[in-house]
C-alpha atoms as a PDB file:
ATOM      1  CA  MET A   1     -10.335 -21.492  13.980  1.00  0.00           C
ATOM      2  CA  VAL A   2     -13.073 -19.117  12.779  1.00  0.00           C
ATOM      3  CA  ILE A   3     -10.797 -16.092  13.294  1.00  0.00           C
ATOM      4  CA  LYS A   4      -8.001 -17.763  11.296  1.00  0.00           C
ATOM      5  CA  THR A   5     -10.434 -18.614   8.487  1.00  0.00           C
ATOM      6  CA  LEU A   6     -11.785 -15.050   8.384  1.00  0.00           C
ATOM      7  CA  ALA A   7      -8.258 -13.674   8.298  1.00  0.00           C
ATOM      8  CA  THR A   8      -7.377 -16.005   5.422  1.00  0.00           C
ATOM      9  CA  VAL A   9     -10.494 -15.045   3.463  1.00  0.00           C
ATOM     10  CA  ALA A  10      -9.850 -11.357   4.121  1.00  0.00           C
ATOM     11  CA  ALA A  11      -6.228 -11.693   3.055  1.00  0.00           C
ATOM     12  CA  GLY A  12      -7.290 -13.312  -0.198  1.00  0.00           C
ATOM     13  CA  ALA A  13      -9.842 -10.576  -0.804  1.00  0.00           C
ATOM     14  CA  VAL A  14      -7.254  -7.865  -0.185  1.00  0.00           C
ATOM     15  CA  ILE A  15      -4.804  -9.399  -2.614  1.00  0.00           C
ATOM     16  CA  ALA A  16      -7.475  -9.995  -5.258  1.00  0.00           C
ATOM     17  CA  LEU A  17      -8.868  -6.477  -4.978  1.00  0.00           C
ATOM     18  CA  SER A  18      -5.448  -4.890  -4.834  1.00  0.00           C
ATOM     19  CA  LEU A  19      -4.349  -6.698  -7.963  1.00  0.00           C
ATOM     20  CA  SER A  20      -7.414  -5.719  -9.971  1.00  0.00           C
ATOM     21  CA  LEU A  21      -5.846  -2.724 -11.731  1.00  0.00           C
ATOM     22  CA  PRO A  22      -2.149  -3.230 -12.361  1.00  0.00           C
ATOM     23  CA  VAL A  23       0.004  -0.399 -13.634  1.00  0.00           C
ATOM     24  CA  SER A  24       2.365  -1.051 -16.482  1.00  0.00           C
ATOM     25  CA  ALA A  25       5.894  -0.695 -15.204  1.00  0.00           C
ATOM     26  CA  ALA A  26       8.300   0.400 -17.919  1.00  0.00           C
ATOM     27  CA  GLY A  27      11.034  -0.124 -15.391  1.00  0.00           C
ATOM     28  CA  LEU A  28      10.598   0.714 -11.751  1.00  0.00           C
ATOM     29  CA  VAL A  29      12.021   3.929 -10.383  1.00  0.00           C
ATOM     30  CA  LYS A  30      15.230   3.027  -8.577  1.00  0.00           C
ATOM     31  CA  TYR A  31      15.200   3.676  -4.847  1.00  0.00           C
ATOM     32  CA  GLU A  32      17.471   3.084  -1.888  1.00  0.00           C
ATOM     33  CA  ILE A  33      16.364   1.453   1.342  1.00  0.00           C
ATOM     34  CA  LYS A  34      18.306   2.715   4.335  1.00  0.00           C
ATOM     35  CA  ASP A  35      17.397   2.359   8.015  1.00  0.00           C
ATOM     36  CA  ASP A  36      14.005   0.762   7.198  1.00  0.00           C
ATOM     37  CA  ALA A  37      12.983   3.667   4.972  1.00  0.00           C
ATOM     38  CA  ILE A  38      13.026   5.006   1.433  1.00  0.00           C
ATOM     39  CA  ALA A  39      13.948   8.608   2.198  1.00  0.00           C
ATOM     40  CA  ALA A  40      13.768  10.090  -1.310  1.00  0.00           C
ATOM     41  CA  SER A  41      10.581  10.621  -3.269  1.00  0.00           C
ATOM     42  CA  LEU A  42      10.169   8.084  -6.070  1.00  0.00           C
ATOM     43  CA  THR A  43       9.167  10.854  -8.449  1.00  0.00           C
ATOM     44  CA  GLY A  44      11.371  13.688  -7.211  1.00  0.00           C
ATOM     45  CA  LYS A  45       8.350  15.751  -6.278  1.00  0.00           C
ATOM     46  CA  ALA A  46       5.940  15.992  -3.379  1.00  0.00           C
ATOM     47  CA  GLY A  47       2.785  13.941  -3.357  1.00  0.00           C
ATOM     48  CA  ASP A  48      -0.748  15.324  -3.339  1.00  0.00           C
ATOM     49  CA  PRO A  49      -2.449  14.417  -0.018  1.00  0.00           C
ATOM     50  CA  ALA A  50      -5.973  14.995  -1.397  1.00  0.00           C
ATOM     51  CA  ASN A  51      -5.354  12.530  -4.226  1.00  0.00           C
ATOM     52  CA  GLY A  52      -3.604  10.213  -1.771  1.00  0.00           C
ATOM     53  CA  LYS A  53      -6.755  10.057   0.335  1.00  0.00           C
ATOM     54  CA  LYS A  54      -8.808   9.203  -2.760  1.00  0.00           C
ATOM     55  CA  LEU A  55      -6.361   6.432  -3.666  1.00  0.00           C
ATOM     56  CA  ALA A  56      -6.226   5.071  -0.108  1.00  0.00           C
ATOM     57  CA  ILE A  57      -9.989   4.605   0.036  1.00  0.00           C
ATOM     58  CA  ASN A  58     -10.392   3.480  -3.584  1.00  0.00           C
ATOM     59  CA  ARG A  59     -11.265  -0.211  -3.438  1.00  0.00           C
ATOM     60  CA  LYS A  60      -9.498  -0.799  -6.781  1.00  0.00           C
ATOM     61  CA  LYS A  61      -6.289   1.153  -6.122  1.00  0.00           C
ATOM     62  CA  GLY A  62      -4.725   1.565  -2.671  1.00  0.00           C
ATOM     63  CA  ASN A  63      -7.584  -0.232  -0.935  1.00  0.00           C
ATOM     64  CA  CYS A  64      -6.189   0.580   2.516  1.00  0.00           C
ATOM     65  CA  LEU A  65      -9.675   0.254   4.027  1.00  0.00           C
ATOM     66  CA  ALA A  66      -9.741  -3.469   3.302  1.00  0.00           C
ATOM     67  CA  CYS A  67      -7.312  -4.108   6.171  1.00  0.00           C
ATOM     68  CA  HIS A  68      -6.966  -0.861   8.118  1.00  0.00           C
ATOM     69  CA  ALA A  69      -9.309   1.300  10.161  1.00  0.00           C
ATOM     70  CA  MET A  70      -8.872   4.890   9.039  1.00  0.00           C
ATOM     71  CA  PRO A  71     -10.006   8.240  10.438  1.00  0.00           C
ATOM     72  CA  ILE A  72     -12.581   8.550   7.663  1.00  0.00           C
ATOM     73  CA  PRO A  73     -15.957   7.999   9.345  1.00  0.00           C
ATOM     74  CA  GLU A  74     -17.860   8.748   6.125  1.00  0.00           C
ATOM     75  CA  GLN A  75     -16.466   5.525   4.633  1.00  0.00           C
ATOM     76  CA  ALA A  76     -18.042   2.217   5.616  1.00  0.00           C
ATOM     77  CA  PHE A  77     -16.456  -1.162   6.222  1.00  0.00           C
ATOM     78  CA  HIS A  78     -13.023  -0.487   7.655  1.00  0.00           C
ATOM     79  CA  GLY A  79     -10.752  -3.488   8.046  1.00  0.00           C
ATOM     80  CA  ASN A  80      -9.214  -4.652  11.292  1.00  0.00           C
ATOM     81  CA  ILE A  81      -6.542  -7.088  10.123  1.00  0.00           C
ATOM     82  CA  GLY A  82      -3.806  -4.453   9.889  1.00  0.00           C
ATOM     83  CA  PRO A  83      -3.019  -1.735  12.409  1.00  0.00           C
ATOM     84  CA  THR A  84      -5.164   1.384  12.484  1.00  0.00           C
ATOM     85  CA  LEU A  85      -3.926   4.231  10.315  1.00  0.00           C
ATOM     86  CA  LYS A  86      -5.247   6.797  12.767  1.00  0.00           C
ATOM     87  CA  GLY A  87      -2.167   8.700  13.923  1.00  0.00           C
ATOM     88  CA  VAL A  88       0.176   6.869  11.527  1.00  0.00           C
ATOM     89  CA  GLY A  89       1.747  10.197  10.534  1.00  0.00           C
ATOM     90  CA  SER A  90       2.861  10.641  14.146  1.00  0.00           C
ATOM     91  CA  ARG A  91       4.291   7.130  14.401  1.00  0.00           C
ATOM     92  CA  TYR A  92       6.301   7.032  11.174  1.00  0.00           C
ATOM     93  CA  LYS A  93       8.306   9.401   8.998  1.00  0.00           C
ATOM     94  CA  ALA A  94       7.472   9.761   5.300  1.00  0.00           C
ATOM     95  CA  GLY A  95      10.374   7.506   4.269  1.00  0.00           C
ATOM     96  CA  GLU A  96       9.225   4.741   6.610  1.00  0.00           C
ATOM     97  CA  LEU A  97       5.689   4.959   5.227  1.00  0.00           C
ATOM     98  CA  ARG A  98       7.029   4.988   1.671  1.00  0.00           C
ATOM     99  CA  LEU A  99       8.830   1.672   2.236  1.00  0.00           C
ATOM    100  CA  ARG A 100       5.699   0.138   3.743  1.00  0.00           C
ATOM    101  CA  VAL A 101       3.627   1.140   0.705  1.00  0.00           C
ATOM    102  CA  VAL A 102       6.305   0.220  -1.853  1.00  0.00           C
ATOM    103  CA  ASP A 103       7.067  -3.217  -0.397  1.00  0.00           C
ATOM    104  CA  SER A 104       6.173  -3.973   3.210  1.00  0.00           C
ATOM    105  CA  LYS A 105       7.572  -7.481   2.784  1.00  0.00           C
ATOM    106  CA  VAL A 106      11.066  -5.982   3.126  1.00  0.00           C
ATOM    107  CA  LEU A 107      10.208  -5.380   6.787  1.00  0.00           C
ATOM    108  CA  ASN A 108       8.042  -8.453   7.366  1.00  0.00           C
ATOM    109  CA  ALA A 109       8.212 -11.320   4.864  1.00  0.00           C
ATOM    110  CA  ASP A 110       5.046 -12.841   6.382  1.00  0.00           C
ATOM    111  CA  THR A 111       2.806  -9.786   6.044  1.00  0.00           C
ATOM    112  CA  ILE A 112      -0.320 -10.100   3.933  1.00  0.00           C
ATOM    113  CA  MET A 113       0.039  -6.479   2.840  1.00  0.00           C
ATOM    114  CA  PRO A 114       0.726  -6.446  -0.887  1.00  0.00           C
ATOM    115  CA  ALA A 115       3.867  -4.897  -2.332  1.00  0.00           C
ATOM    116  CA  PHE A 116       2.182  -2.022  -4.154  1.00  0.00           C
ATOM    117  CA  TYR A 117       5.239  -0.919  -6.131  1.00  0.00           C
ATOM    118  CA  ARG A 118       6.999  -4.111  -7.111  1.00  0.00           C
ATOM    119  CA  ASP A 119       6.783  -5.868 -10.456  1.00  0.00           C
ATOM    120  CA  SER A 120       8.569  -9.180  -9.928  1.00  0.00           C
ATOM    121  CA  GLY A 121       9.254 -11.928  -7.431  1.00  0.00           C
ATOM    122  CA  PHE A 122       5.634 -13.043  -7.205  1.00  0.00           C
ATOM    123  CA  HIS A 123       4.302 -16.595  -7.510  1.00  0.00           C
ATOM    124  CA  ARG A 124       1.422 -17.782  -9.697  1.00  0.00           C
ATOM    125  CA  VAL A 125       0.767 -14.415 -11.375  1.00  0.00           C
ATOM    126  CA  LEU A 126      -1.832 -14.200 -14.146  1.00  0.00           C
ATOM    127  CA  LYS A 127      -0.290 -13.338 -17.517  1.00  0.00           C
ATOM    128  CA  GLY A 128      -2.031  -9.940 -17.648  1.00  0.00           C
ATOM    129  CA  PHE A 129      -0.423  -8.947 -14.358  1.00  0.00           C
ATOM    130  CA  GLU A 130       3.159 -10.043 -15.041  1.00  0.00           C
ATOM    131  CA  GLY A 131       5.734  -7.263 -14.852  1.00  0.00           C
ATOM    132  CA  LYS A 132       3.259  -4.710 -13.522  1.00  0.00           C
ATOM    133  CA  THR A 133       2.868  -2.798 -10.289  1.00  0.00           C
ATOM    134  CA  ILE A 134      -0.407  -2.286  -8.437  1.00  0.00           C
ATOM    135  CA  ILE A 135       0.046   1.485  -8.258  1.00  0.00           C
ATOM    136  CA  SER A 136       2.385   3.992  -9.906  1.00  0.00           C
ATOM    137  CA  ALA A 137       5.328   5.810  -8.328  1.00  0.00           C
ATOM    138  CA  GLN A 138       3.221   8.997  -8.193  1.00  0.00           C
ATOM    139  CA  ASP A 139       0.393   7.090  -6.505  1.00  0.00           C
ATOM    140  CA  VAL A 140       2.897   5.968  -3.856  1.00  0.00           C
ATOM    141  CA  GLU A 141       3.933   9.580  -3.268  1.00  0.00           C
ATOM    142  CA  ASP A 142       0.319  10.767  -3.076  1.00  0.00           C
ATOM    143  CA  ILE A 143      -0.617   8.048  -0.558  1.00  0.00           C
ATOM    144  CA  VAL A 144       2.462   8.806   1.560  1.00  0.00           C
ATOM    145  CA  ALA A 145       1.620  12.535   1.462  1.00  0.00           C
ATOM    146  CA  TYR A 146      -1.857  11.672   2.772  1.00  0.00           C
ATOM    147  CA  LEU A 147      -0.654   9.241   5.455  1.00  0.00           C
ATOM    148  CA  VAL A 148       1.754  11.781   6.970  1.00  0.00           C
ATOM    149  CA  THR A 149      -1.226  14.112   7.550  1.00  0.00           C
ATOM    150  CA  LEU A 150      -2.820  11.526   9.844  1.00  0.00           C
ATOM    151  CA  LYS A 151      -1.403  12.863  13.124  1.00  0.00           C
END
């Protein structure tokens, strides 16, 4: 019971923190999901892994640390609700990671991981957040570029 309660509280915290800085979406970049992946870059260019790391650990942007342990020992308070991201670049291809960041609910409707690049289909959204994504298409590419380095 305590573990379930902690997981519920943590899930709420992740969603609240992740939704703290929405990005205006003047129309999402169109993408194609094939074989559980989004193969093509959302922006048509490579992401910046150094910026991706900054976004992944930023508690108001990617906020990956809220749920995932990461190979970043200099950062405190890693989550343990989601799988570790250590070695994630060896387990998944860039396109598979891209889909997970864009909208992991495509793969698992019950996941608590937010859809970081989706602007509709949510329930009980505050007016200021309607029609907005959590991160931009370039942020997605930067985070994916960082995650693939985690071998």
